[in-house]
Amino acid sequence: MTKVIDGINPGAGISRFSARMVRDYGLERHGYTYVPGTSARSR
């Protein structure tokens, strides 16, 4: 299983909350990472 959480544009509010939740819930210690998306990637 891939433990990468793909986000949307880094400037979006939900992106900031998602990155914070990965930290707050301790998901990093289980190997999860949050990667903000880009406009180019979403096309």
PDB file of N, CA and C in Angstrom:
ATOM      1  N   MET A   1       0.848  -1.173   0.000  1.00  0.00           N
ATOM      2  CA  MET A   1       0.000   0.000   0.000  1.00  0.00           C
ATOM      3  C   MET A   1       0.895   1.238   0.000  1.00  0.00           C
ATOM      4  N   THR A   2       0.560   2.173  -0.863  1.00  0.00           N
ATOM      5  CA  THR A   2       1.275   3.445  -0.905  1.00  0.00           C
ATOM      6  C   THR A   2       0.792   4.317   0.246  1.00  0.00           C
ATOM      7  N   LYS A   3       1.713   4.838   1.003  1.00  0.00           N
ATOM      8  CA  LYS A   3       1.357   5.646   2.167  1.00  0.00           C
ATOM      9  C   LYS A   3       1.597   7.124   1.907  1.00  0.00           C
ATOM     10  N   VAL A   4       1.174   7.562   0.727  1.00  0.00           N
ATOM     11  CA  VAL A   4       1.285   8.966   0.348  1.00  0.00           C
ATOM     12  C   VAL A   4      -0.121   9.523   0.222  1.00  0.00           C
ATOM     13  N   ILE A   5      -0.379  10.596   0.920  1.00  0.00           N
ATOM     14  CA  ILE A   5      -1.668  11.274   0.839  1.00  0.00           C
ATOM     15  C   ILE A   5      -1.480  12.436  -0.121  1.00  0.00           C
ATOM     16  N   ASP A   6      -2.109  12.339  -1.288  1.00  0.00           N
ATOM     17  CA  ASP A   6      -1.998  13.382  -2.307  1.00  0.00           C
ATOM     18  C   ASP A   6      -2.988  14.494  -2.020  1.00  0.00           C
ATOM     19  N   GLY A   7      -2.495  15.707  -2.018  1.00  0.00           N
ATOM     20  CA  GLY A   7      -3.350  16.847  -1.769  1.00  0.00           C
ATOM     21  C   GLY A   7      -3.622  17.643  -3.027  1.00  0.00           C
ATOM     22  N   ILE A   8      -4.280  18.764  -2.816  1.00  0.00           N
ATOM     23  CA  ILE A   8      -4.543  19.692  -3.905  1.00  0.00           C
ATOM     24  C   ILE A   8      -3.564  20.854  -3.779  1.00  0.00           C
ATOM     25  N   ASN A   9      -3.812  21.918  -4.472  1.00  0.00           N
ATOM     26  CA  ASN A   9      -2.937  23.088  -4.480  1.00  0.00           C
ATOM     27  C   ASN A   9      -2.473  23.449  -3.063  1.00  0.00           C
ATOM     28  N   PRO A  10      -1.169  23.668  -2.861  1.00  0.00           N
ATOM     29  CA  PRO A  10      -0.641  23.957  -1.531  1.00  0.00           C
ATOM     30  C   PRO A  10      -1.252  25.185  -0.856  1.00  0.00           C
ATOM     31  N   GLY A  11      -1.796  26.112  -1.619  1.00  0.00           N
ATOM     32  CA  GLY A  11      -2.383  27.306  -1.034  1.00  0.00           C
ATOM     33  C   GLY A  11      -3.796  27.114  -0.508  1.00  0.00           C
ATOM     34  N   ALA A  12      -4.393  25.983  -0.803  1.00  0.00           N
ATOM     35  CA  ALA A  12      -5.769  25.726  -0.375  1.00  0.00           C
ATOM     36  C   ALA A  12      -5.809  25.435   1.126  1.00  0.00           C
ATOM     37  N   GLY A  13      -6.833  25.922   1.772  1.00  0.00           N
ATOM     38  CA  GLY A  13      -6.979  25.711   3.210  1.00  0.00           C
ATOM     39  C   GLY A  13      -6.992  24.248   3.595  1.00  0.00           C
ATOM     40  N   ILE A  14      -7.670  23.433   2.805  1.00  0.00           N
ATOM     41  CA  ILE A  14      -7.744  22.010   3.138  1.00  0.00           C
ATOM     42  C   ILE A  14      -6.371  21.353   3.091  1.00  0.00           C
ATOM     43  N   SER A  15      -5.473  21.873   2.270  1.00  0.00           N
ATOM     44  CA  SER A  15      -4.109  21.332   2.217  1.00  0.00           C
ATOM     45  C   SER A  15      -3.374  21.585   3.527  1.00  0.00           C
ATOM     46  N   ARG A  16      -3.535  22.770   4.068  1.00  0.00           N
ATOM     47  CA  ARG A  16      -2.890  23.071   5.354  1.00  0.00           C
ATOM     48  C   ARG A  16      -3.444  22.182   6.454  1.00  0.00           C
ATOM     49  N   PHE A  17      -4.765  21.993   6.464  1.00  0.00           N
ATOM     50  CA  PHE A  17      -5.378  21.146   7.486  1.00  0.00           C
ATOM     51  C   PHE A  17      -4.958  19.693   7.324  1.00  0.00           C
ATOM     52  N   SER A  18      -4.853  19.225   6.089  1.00  0.00           N
ATOM     53  CA  SER A  18      -4.458  17.833   5.842  1.00  0.00           C
ATOM     54  C   SER A  18      -3.041  17.573   6.334  1.00  0.00           C
ATOM     55  N   ALA A  19      -2.136  18.471   6.039  1.00  0.00           N
ATOM     56  CA  ALA A  19      -0.752  18.314   6.494  1.00  0.00           C
ATOM     57  C   ALA A  19      -0.697  18.314   8.018  1.00  0.00           C
ATOM     58  N   ARG A  20      -1.481  19.164   8.636  1.00  0.00           N
ATOM     59  CA  ARG A  20      -1.499  19.229  10.099  1.00  0.00           C
ATOM     60  C   ARG A  20      -2.083  17.956  10.704  1.00  0.00           C
ATOM     61  N   MET A  21      -3.109  17.398  10.073  1.00  0.00           N
ATOM     62  CA  MET A  21      -3.710  16.168  10.592  1.00  0.00           C
ATOM     63  C   MET A  21      -2.742  14.994  10.524  1.00  0.00           C
ATOM     64  N   VAL A  22      -1.931  14.938   9.480  1.00  0.00           N
ATOM     65  CA  VAL A  22      -0.926  13.870   9.389  1.00  0.00           C
ATOM     66  C   VAL A  22      -0.008  13.947  10.609  1.00  0.00           C
ATOM     67  N   ARG A  23       0.391  15.151  10.972  1.00  0.00           N
ATOM     68  CA  ARG A  23       1.241  15.328  12.162  1.00  0.00           C
ATOM     69  C   ARG A  23       0.464  15.058  13.442  1.00  0.00           C
ATOM     70  N   ASP A  24      -0.711  15.678  13.579  1.00  0.00           N
ATOM     71  CA  ASP A  24      -1.479  15.576  14.821  1.00  0.00           C
ATOM     72  C   ASP A  24      -1.905  14.146  15.149  1.00  0.00           C
ATOM     73  N   TYR A  25      -2.219  13.367  14.145  1.00  0.00           N
ATOM     74  CA  TYR A  25      -2.646  11.984  14.363  1.00  0.00           C
ATOM     75  C   TYR A  25      -1.471  11.007  14.387  1.00  0.00           C
ATOM     76  N   GLY A  26      -0.261  11.511  14.221  1.00  0.00           N
ATOM     77  CA  GLY A  26       0.913  10.653  14.290  1.00  0.00           C
ATOM     78  C   GLY A  26       1.058   9.703  13.114  1.00  0.00           C
ATOM     79  N   LEU A  27       0.503  10.081  11.976  1.00  0.00           N
ATOM     80  CA  LEU A  27       0.562   9.195  10.816  1.00  0.00           C
ATOM     81  C   LEU A  27       1.971   9.057  10.256  1.00  0.00           C
ATOM     82  N   GLU A  28       2.808  10.060  10.500  1.00  0.00           N
ATOM     83  CA  GLU A  28       4.187   9.992  10.005  1.00  0.00           C
ATOM     84  C   GLU A  28       4.926   8.799  10.592  1.00  0.00           C
ATOM     85  N   ARG A  29       4.673   8.500  11.843  1.00  0.00           N
ATOM     86  CA  ARG A  29       5.379   7.371  12.470  1.00  0.00           C
ATOM     87  C   ARG A  29       4.929   6.026  11.913  1.00  0.00           C
ATOM     88  N   HIS A  30       3.822   6.035  11.175  1.00  0.00           N
ATOM     89  CA  HIS A  30       3.345   4.824  10.506  1.00  0.00           C
ATOM     90  C   HIS A  30       3.721   4.819   9.026  1.00  0.00           C
ATOM     91  N   GLY A  31       4.541   5.794   8.626  1.00  0.00           N
ATOM     92  CA  GLY A  31       5.056   5.827   7.265  1.00  0.00           C
ATOM     93  C   GLY A  31       4.271   6.670   6.278  1.00  0.00           C
ATOM     94  N   TYR A  32       3.232   7.380   6.753  1.00  0.00           N
ATOM     95  CA  TYR A  32       2.435   8.200   5.846  1.00  0.00           C
ATOM     96  C   TYR A  32       3.085   9.555   5.641  1.00  0.00           C
ATOM     97  N   THR A  33       2.939  10.081   4.447  1.00  0.00           N
ATOM     98  CA  THR A  33       3.395  11.434   4.145  1.00  0.00           C
ATOM     99  C   THR A  33       2.292  12.161   3.384  1.00  0.00           C
ATOM    100  N   TYR A  34       2.277  13.453   3.535  1.00  0.00           N
ATOM    101  CA  TYR A  34       1.333  14.295   2.802  1.00  0.00           C
ATOM    102  C   TYR A  34       2.117  15.056   1.747  1.00  0.00           C
ATOM    103  N   VAL A  35       1.643  15.003   0.503  1.00  0.00           N
ATOM    104  CA  VAL A  35       2.304  15.691  -0.602  1.00  0.00           C
ATOM    105  C   VAL A  35       1.301  16.642  -1.241  1.00  0.00           C
ATOM    106  N   PRO A  36       1.544  17.959  -1.149  1.00  0.00           N
ATOM    107  CA  PRO A  36       0.627  18.897  -1.792  1.00  0.00           C
ATOM    108  C   PRO A  36       0.678  18.742  -3.306  1.00  0.00           C
ATOM    109  N   GLY A  37      -0.446  18.912  -3.926  1.00  0.00           N
ATOM    110  CA  GLY A  37      -0.524  18.787  -5.382  1.00  0.00           C
ATOM    111  C   GLY A  37      -0.128  20.070  -6.078  1.00  0.00           C
ATOM    112  N   THR A  38      -0.105  19.998  -7.379  1.00  0.00           N
ATOM    113  CA  THR A  38       0.178  21.168  -8.199  1.00  0.00           C
ATOM    114  C   THR A  38      -0.853  21.227  -9.313  1.00  0.00           C
ATOM    115  N   SER A  39      -0.990  22.367  -9.921  1.00  0.00           N
ATOM    116  CA  SER A  39      -1.918  22.504 -11.039  1.00  0.00           C
ATOM    117  C   SER A  39      -1.532  21.567 -12.173  1.00  0.00           C
ATOM    118  N   ALA A  40      -0.248  21.427 -12.415  1.00  0.00           N
ATOM    119  CA  ALA A  40       0.226  20.574 -13.509  1.00  0.00           C
ATOM    120  C   ALA A  40      -0.097  19.107 -13.249  1.00  0.00           C
ATOM    121  N   ARG A  41      -0.001  18.672 -12.006  1.00  0.00           N
ATOM    122  CA  ARG A  41      -0.268  17.270 -11.678  1.00  0.00           C
ATOM    123  C   ARG A  41      -1.728  16.908 -11.811  1.00  0.00           C
ATOM    124  N   SER A  42      -2.618  17.850 -11.615  1.00  0.00           N
ATOM    125  CA  SER A  42      -4.051  17.547 -11.631  1.00  0.00           C
ATOM    126  C   SER A  42      -4.638  17.495 -13.032  1.00  0.00           C
ATOM    127  N   ARG A  43      -3.872  17.851 -14.020  1.00  0.00           N
ATOM    128  CA  ARG A  43      -4.385  17.856 -15.398  1.00  0.00           C
ATOM    129  C   ARG A  43      -4.336  16.508 -16.019  1.00  0.00           C
TER     130      ARG A  43
END
